[in-house]
Protein backbone atom coordinates (compact mmCIF):
# COMPACT_ATOMS: atom_id res chain seq x y z
CA MET A 1 0.00 0.00 0.00
CA ALA A 2 1.40 3.43 -0.90
CA PRO A 3 2.21 5.70 2.08
CA THR A 4 -0.35 8.32 1.02
CA THR A 5 -3.16 5.77 0.94
CA HIS A 6 -1.89 4.38 4.24
CA TRP A 7 -2.23 7.74 6.04
CA LEU A 8 -5.60 8.50 4.46
CA TRP A 9 -6.90 5.20 5.77
CA TYR A 10 -5.99 6.22 9.32
CA LYS A 11 -7.86 9.48 8.90
CA SER A 12 -10.97 7.82 7.48
CA ALA A 13 -14.42 8.36 8.91
CA ASP A 14 -14.47 4.66 9.88
CA CYS A 15 -12.45 5.41 13.02
CA LYS A 16 -14.75 4.96 15.96
CA MET A 17 -12.35 6.19 18.62
CA VAL A 18 -9.58 8.74 18.20
CA LEU A 19 -7.02 9.39 20.91
CA LEU A 20 -5.11 12.66 20.59
CA LEU A 21 -1.64 12.88 22.12
CA SER A 22 -0.39 16.48 22.33
CA ARG A 23 3.32 16.65 23.15
CA THR A 24 5.83 19.05 24.66
CA TYR A 25 9.48 18.20 23.97
CA PHE A 26 12.34 18.59 26.44
CA PRO A 27 15.99 17.43 26.22
CA GLU A 28 15.41 14.94 29.08
CA GLY A 29 12.06 13.57 27.88
CA THR A 30 8.75 14.23 26.21
CA ASN A 31 5.58 15.03 28.13
CA GLY A 32 2.11 14.80 26.72
CA SER A 33 -1.58 15.08 27.31
CA LEU A 34 -3.87 12.30 26.08
CA ALA A 35 -7.48 13.07 25.17
CA CYS A 36 -10.37 11.13 23.65
CA ASP A 37 -13.18 12.93 21.86
CA GLY A 38 -12.05 16.22 23.40
CA GLN A 39 -12.01 14.84 26.96
CA PHE A 40 -8.72 14.75 28.89
CA LEU A 41 -7.75 11.21 29.90
CA CYS A 42 -4.27 11.48 31.41
CA TYR A 43 -0.74 12.71 30.88
CA THR A 44 1.98 10.74 29.09
CA ILE A 45 5.74 10.45 29.23
CA GLU A 46 8.12 9.38 26.48
CA LEU A 47 11.78 9.51 25.56
CA PRO A 48 13.08 12.77 24.06
CA TRP A 49 12.92 13.28 20.29
CA ARG A 50 16.15 11.88 18.83
CA GLU A 51 15.35 11.53 15.12
CA ASN A 52 13.25 8.35 15.60
CA LYS A 53 16.32 6.29 16.58
CA LYS A 54 15.36 2.89 17.96
CA GLY A 55 15.48 2.58 21.72
CA VAL A 56 16.40 6.21 22.45
CA SER A 57 13.70 8.33 20.76
CA CYS A 58 9.98 8.85 20.96
CA ILE A 59 8.09 8.01 17.77
CA PRO A 60 7.38 10.56 15.02
CA GLU A 61 4.24 12.64 15.08
CA GLY A 62 1.53 11.16 12.90
CA TYR A 63 -1.53 8.92 12.67
CA TYR A 64 -1.46 5.36 13.98
CA LEU A 65 -3.78 2.48 14.74
CA LEU A 66 -3.91 0.83 18.15
CA ARG A 67 -4.48 -2.85 18.92
CA LYS A 68 -4.43 -5.25 21.85
CA ARG A 69 -1.20 -7.10 22.52
CA TYR A 70 0.02 -9.58 25.10
CA SER A 71 3.57 -10.25 26.32
CA ARG A 72 4.97 -11.95 29.41
CA LYS A 73 6.70 -8.75 30.47
CA PHE A 74 3.75 -6.34 30.20
CA GLN A 75 0.81 -8.79 30.16
CA TRP A 76 -2.10 -7.20 28.21
CA HIS A 77 -1.18 -3.78 26.84
CA ILE A 78 -1.65 -1.66 23.70
CA GLU A 79 0.48 -1.68 20.56
CA VAL A 80 0.95 1.32 18.28
CA VAL A 81 0.83 -0.17 14.77
CA ALA A 82 2.91 0.75 11.71
CA VAL A 83 5.42 3.18 13.20
CA LYS A 84 7.94 4.01 10.47
CA ASN A 85 11.25 2.16 10.95
CA ARG A 86 10.15 0.91 14.40
CA HIS A 87 8.35 -2.10 15.82
CA LEU A 88 6.81 -3.08 19.14
CA ILE A 89 5.95 0.47 20.15
CA LEU A 90 3.61 0.03 23.08
CA LEU A 91 1.45 1.89 25.54
CA HIS A 92 2.34 0.48 28.96
CA SER A 93 2.98 1.69 32.48
CA ALA A 94 6.26 3.42 33.40
CA ASN A 95 7.15 6.39 35.58
CA ASN A 96 10.59 7.25 34.17
CA ALA A 97 11.02 7.46 30.40
CA LEU A 98 14.84 7.28 30.34
CA SER A 99 15.08 4.16 32.50
CA GLN A 100 11.83 2.33 31.64
CA LEU A 101 10.98 3.09 28.01
CA LEU A 102 12.60 2.16 24.70
CA GLY A 103 10.37 4.29 22.47
CA CYS A 104 7.02 3.41 24.02
CA ILE A 105 4.38 5.71 25.51
CA ALA A 106 3.51 5.59 29.21
CA PRO A 107 0.25 7.06 30.51
CA VAL A 108 0.71 8.75 33.91
CA THR A 109 -1.67 10.38 36.37
CA GLU A 110 0.66 13.31 37.10
CA LEU A 111 3.77 14.76 35.49
CA SER A 112 6.71 15.18 37.87
CA GLY A 113 9.38 16.38 35.42
CA ALA A 114 10.50 16.01 31.82
CA GLY A 115 9.87 12.36 30.95
CA LEU A 116 8.81 11.66 34.54
CA GLY A 117 5.39 10.84 35.94
CA LEU A 118 3.45 9.36 38.84
CA GLN A 119 0.88 6.59 39.20
CA SER A 120 1.37 5.16 35.75
CA ARG A 121 -0.32 1.84 36.50
CA ARG A 122 -3.51 3.65 37.45
CA ALA A 123 -3.46 5.84 34.32
CA PHE A 124 -2.61 2.92 32.05
CA ALA A 125 -5.43 0.76 33.49
CA MET A 126 -7.92 3.51 32.68
CA VAL A 127 -6.63 4.01 29.11
CA LYS A 128 -6.46 0.26 28.49
CA LYS A 129 -10.05 -0.23 29.68
CA LYS A 130 -11.29 2.52 27.36
CA VAL A 131 -9.36 1.25 24.33
CA TYR A 132 -10.16 -2.42 24.93
CA THR A 133 -13.86 -1.65 25.34
CA ALA A 134 -13.88 0.09 21.95
CA LEU A 135 -11.89 -2.70 20.29
CA GLU A 136 -14.21 -5.36 21.72
CA GLN A 137 -17.08 -3.51 20.04
CA SER A 138 -15.23 -3.87 16.71
CA ALA A 139 -14.26 -0.21 16.67
CA ILE A 140 -11.15 1.04 14.93
CA VAL A 141 -9.05 2.92 17.47
CA SER A 142 -6.52 5.45 16.20
CA LEU A 143 -3.89 7.63 17.83
CA ILE A 144 -2.92 11.06 16.55
CA VAL A 145 0.44 12.29 17.87
CA GLN A 146 1.12 16.02 17.52
CA SER A 147 2.93 18.88 19.21
């Protein structure tokens, strides 16, 4: 599929749930605010922007699909699908981007610094419940990442 068609598909009217991640970049980490249908859900932390380098950078801004995923390490979590030049980008709990993330996104209840947050398990459980409920109703769930 051509990249243009790929991005248009993400933006299609078929999307039943759209999460919007609005970022602020810092040298030590990236902080964000996650909303769904205009309603604030939680904050997020990520690695700093380092040109989309694997393991040390947050992912590029853009449109993505989300899906359920299971691993022994994180149990049931959320995968961000089709990130350019990256794989296994996840939404999972973490409170320190530099020591606990390799490019993933961690929902947090409070921000405590650049790339730092509090009560991530609580925030992630809430986001996961919302996303999983939509997916179980056969909805397409997308994520828009912007600054």
